[in-house]
Amino acid sequence: MRTEVLLPEYTISELYFNIWKSGTIDRTQFHQIQYAINSQSLKNSDERRIVSRLLYAVRRGWLSVMD
């Protein structure tokens, strides 16, 4: 049996804004970003750049990942 996870649909730019505004990435936002990467739904270079910036900010400690 296959289980589907229904996540609210946000654009990458909306996710970026909400994450930077709060300074944290929660589990739902993290899964949305993973889904976008894995489903190849990043259509243009701007979206790929936004995801790269978010991941870089996490590595540098500028953003916190929350459970």
N, C-alpha and C. Protein backbone atom coordinates (compact mmCIF):
# COMPACT_ATOMS: atom_id res chain seq x y z
N MET A 1 0.84 -1.18 0.00
CA MET A 1 0.00 0.00 0.00
C MET A 1 0.89 1.24 0.00
N ARG A 2 0.57 2.15 -0.86
CA ARG A 2 1.36 3.36 -1.01
C ARG A 2 0.66 4.51 -0.29
N THR A 3 1.44 5.23 0.49
CA THR A 3 0.89 6.36 1.23
C THR A 3 1.35 7.65 0.58
N GLU A 4 0.42 8.55 0.31
CA GLU A 4 0.75 9.84 -0.25
C GLU A 4 0.73 10.89 0.84
N VAL A 5 1.69 11.78 0.77
CA VAL A 5 1.75 12.89 1.70
C VAL A 5 1.21 14.11 0.98
N LEU A 6 0.15 14.68 1.53
CA LEU A 6 -0.44 15.87 0.93
C LEU A 6 0.11 17.09 1.65
N LEU A 7 0.86 17.87 0.93
CA LEU A 7 1.45 19.08 1.48
C LEU A 7 0.81 20.28 0.82
N PRO A 8 0.66 21.36 1.55
CA PRO A 8 0.13 22.56 0.91
C PRO A 8 1.09 23.02 -0.18
N GLU A 9 0.52 23.48 -1.27
CA GLU A 9 1.35 23.88 -2.38
C GLU A 9 1.77 25.33 -2.23
N TYR A 10 3.06 25.54 -2.22
CA TYR A 10 3.63 26.87 -2.19
C TYR A 10 4.61 26.98 -3.34
N THR A 11 4.77 28.17 -3.81
CA THR A 11 5.83 28.35 -4.78
C THR A 11 7.15 28.43 -4.04
N ILE A 12 8.21 28.20 -4.75
CA ILE A 12 9.53 28.24 -4.14
C ILE A 12 9.81 29.62 -3.56
N SER A 13 9.38 30.67 -4.25
CA SER A 13 9.63 32.02 -3.75
C SER A 13 8.86 32.30 -2.46
N GLU A 14 7.64 31.76 -2.33
CA GLU A 14 6.88 31.91 -1.08
C GLU A 14 7.58 31.18 0.06
N LEU A 15 8.08 29.97 -0.21
CA LEU A 15 8.82 29.23 0.81
C LEU A 15 10.06 30.01 1.24
N TYR A 16 10.78 30.54 0.27
CA TYR A 16 11.99 31.31 0.55
C TYR A 16 11.68 32.48 1.47
N PHE A 17 10.63 33.22 1.14
CA PHE A 17 10.25 34.38 1.95
C PHE A 17 9.88 33.96 3.37
N ASN A 18 9.05 32.94 3.50
CA ASN A 18 8.61 32.49 4.83
C ASN A 18 9.78 31.97 5.67
N ILE A 19 10.70 31.26 5.04
CA ILE A 19 11.84 30.71 5.77
C ILE A 19 12.76 31.83 6.25
N TRP A 20 13.08 32.78 5.38
CA TRP A 20 13.96 33.87 5.78
C TRP A 20 13.30 34.77 6.82
N LYS A 21 12.00 34.93 6.71
CA LYS A 21 11.28 35.77 7.68
C LYS A 21 11.36 35.17 9.08
N SER A 22 11.22 33.86 9.17
CA SER A 22 11.24 33.20 10.49
C SER A 22 12.65 32.83 10.95
N GLY A 23 13.57 32.65 10.01
CA GLY A 23 14.93 32.25 10.37
C GLY A 23 15.08 30.76 10.62
N THR A 24 14.00 30.01 10.38
CA THR A 24 14.03 28.56 10.59
C THR A 24 13.33 27.85 9.43
N ILE A 25 13.70 26.59 9.25
CA ILE A 25 13.00 25.72 8.30
C ILE A 25 12.34 24.63 9.12
N ASP A 26 11.03 24.50 9.01
CA ASP A 26 10.38 23.41 9.74
C ASP A 26 10.33 22.16 8.86
N ARG A 27 9.89 21.08 9.45
CA ARG A 27 9.89 19.79 8.76
C ARG A 27 9.06 19.82 7.48
N THR A 28 7.90 20.49 7.50
CA THR A 28 7.04 20.56 6.32
C THR A 28 7.72 21.31 5.18
N GLN A 29 8.33 22.43 5.48
CA GLN A 29 9.03 23.19 4.46
C GLN A 29 10.21 22.40 3.89
N PHE A 30 10.90 21.69 4.77
CA PHE A 30 12.03 20.87 4.33
C PHE A 30 11.55 19.79 3.36
N HIS A 31 10.42 19.16 3.66
CA HIS A 31 9.87 18.13 2.78
C HIS A 31 9.41 18.73 1.45
N GLN A 32 8.87 19.93 1.48
CA GLN A 32 8.46 20.58 0.24
C GLN A 32 9.67 20.87 -0.65
N ILE A 33 10.76 21.29 -0.05
CA ILE A 33 11.97 21.54 -0.83
C ILE A 33 12.52 20.24 -1.38
N GLN A 34 12.54 19.19 -0.56
CA GLN A 34 13.00 17.88 -1.03
C GLN A 34 12.14 17.38 -2.18
N TYR A 35 10.84 17.54 -2.07
CA TYR A 35 9.94 17.11 -3.12
C TYR A 35 10.22 17.87 -4.42
N ALA A 36 10.44 19.17 -4.31
CA ALA A 36 10.72 19.98 -5.50
C ALA A 36 12.01 19.52 -6.18
N ILE A 37 13.02 19.20 -5.37
CA ILE A 37 14.29 18.73 -5.93
C ILE A 37 14.12 17.36 -6.58
N ASN A 38 13.47 16.44 -5.87
CA ASN A 38 13.34 15.07 -6.36
C ASN A 38 12.38 14.93 -7.53
N SER A 39 11.39 15.79 -7.61
CA SER A 39 10.41 15.66 -8.70
C SER A 39 10.82 16.44 -9.94
N GLN A 40 11.99 17.06 -9.89
CA GLN A 40 12.48 17.84 -11.02
C GLN A 40 11.53 18.97 -11.40
N SER A 41 10.83 19.52 -10.40
CA SER A 41 9.85 20.57 -10.68
C SER A 41 10.45 21.97 -10.62
N LEU A 42 11.76 22.07 -10.41
CA LEU A 42 12.39 23.38 -10.43
C LEU A 42 12.59 23.77 -11.89
N LYS A 43 11.69 24.60 -12.37
CA LYS A 43 11.59 24.84 -13.80
C LYS A 43 12.64 25.80 -14.35
N ASN A 44 13.06 26.75 -13.56
CA ASN A 44 14.00 27.70 -14.11
C ASN A 44 15.20 27.87 -13.18
N SER A 45 16.19 28.58 -13.66
CA SER A 45 17.42 28.73 -12.90
C SER A 45 17.21 29.55 -11.63
N ASP A 46 16.23 30.46 -11.62
CA ASP A 46 15.95 31.24 -10.41
C ASP A 46 15.49 30.35 -9.27
N GLU A 47 14.63 29.39 -9.56
CA GLU A 47 14.15 28.48 -8.52
C GLU A 47 15.29 27.61 -8.00
N ARG A 48 16.14 27.13 -8.89
CA ARG A 48 17.29 26.33 -8.46
C ARG A 48 18.24 27.16 -7.61
N ARG A 49 18.41 28.42 -7.97
CA ARG A 49 19.27 29.32 -7.20
C ARG A 49 18.70 29.57 -5.81
N ILE A 50 17.39 29.72 -5.69
CA ILE A 50 16.75 29.93 -4.39
C ILE A 50 16.98 28.73 -3.49
N VAL A 51 16.80 27.54 -4.01
CA VAL A 51 17.02 26.32 -3.22
C VAL A 51 18.47 26.23 -2.80
N SER A 52 19.38 26.54 -3.70
CA SER A 52 20.81 26.52 -3.37
C SER A 52 21.14 27.50 -2.26
N ARG A 53 20.55 28.67 -2.29
CA ARG A 53 20.79 29.68 -1.24
C ARG A 53 20.27 29.20 0.11
N LEU A 54 19.10 28.56 0.11
CA LEU A 54 18.55 28.05 1.36
C LEU A 54 19.46 26.97 1.95
N LEU A 55 19.90 26.05 1.12
CA LEU A 55 20.76 24.98 1.61
C LEU A 55 22.10 25.53 2.09
N TYR A 56 22.64 26.52 1.40
CA TYR A 56 23.88 27.16 1.80
C TYR A 56 23.71 27.85 3.16
N ALA A 57 22.58 28.53 3.33
CA ALA A 57 22.31 29.23 4.60
C ALA A 57 22.21 28.25 5.76
N VAL A 58 21.65 27.07 5.52
CA VAL A 58 21.58 26.05 6.57
C VAL A 58 22.99 25.57 6.91
N ARG A 59 23.80 25.30 5.89
CA ARG A 59 25.17 24.85 6.14
C ARG A 59 25.98 25.88 6.91
N ARG A 60 25.78 27.15 6.63
CA ARG A 60 26.53 28.21 7.29
C ARG A 60 25.99 28.53 8.69
N GLY A 61 24.81 28.01 9.01
CA GLY A 61 24.23 28.26 10.32
C GLY A 61 23.36 29.50 10.38
N TRP A 62 23.09 30.09 9.23
CA TRP A 62 22.25 31.30 9.18
C TRP A 62 20.77 30.97 9.36
N LEU A 63 20.41 29.73 9.01
CA LEU A 63 19.04 29.24 9.21
C LEU A 63 19.10 27.98 10.07
N SER A 64 18.10 27.81 10.92
CA SER A 64 18.01 26.64 11.77
C SER A 64 16.96 25.69 11.23
N VAL A 65 17.22 24.39 11.32
CA VAL A 65 16.24 23.38 10.94
C VAL A 65 15.55 22.91 12.21
N MET A 66 14.23 23.06 12.25
CA MET A 66 13.43 22.69 13.43
C MET A 66 12.65 21.42 13.17
N ASP A 67 12.43 20.66 14.24
CA ASP A 67 11.61 19.43 14.12
C ASP A 67 10.16 19.72 14.27
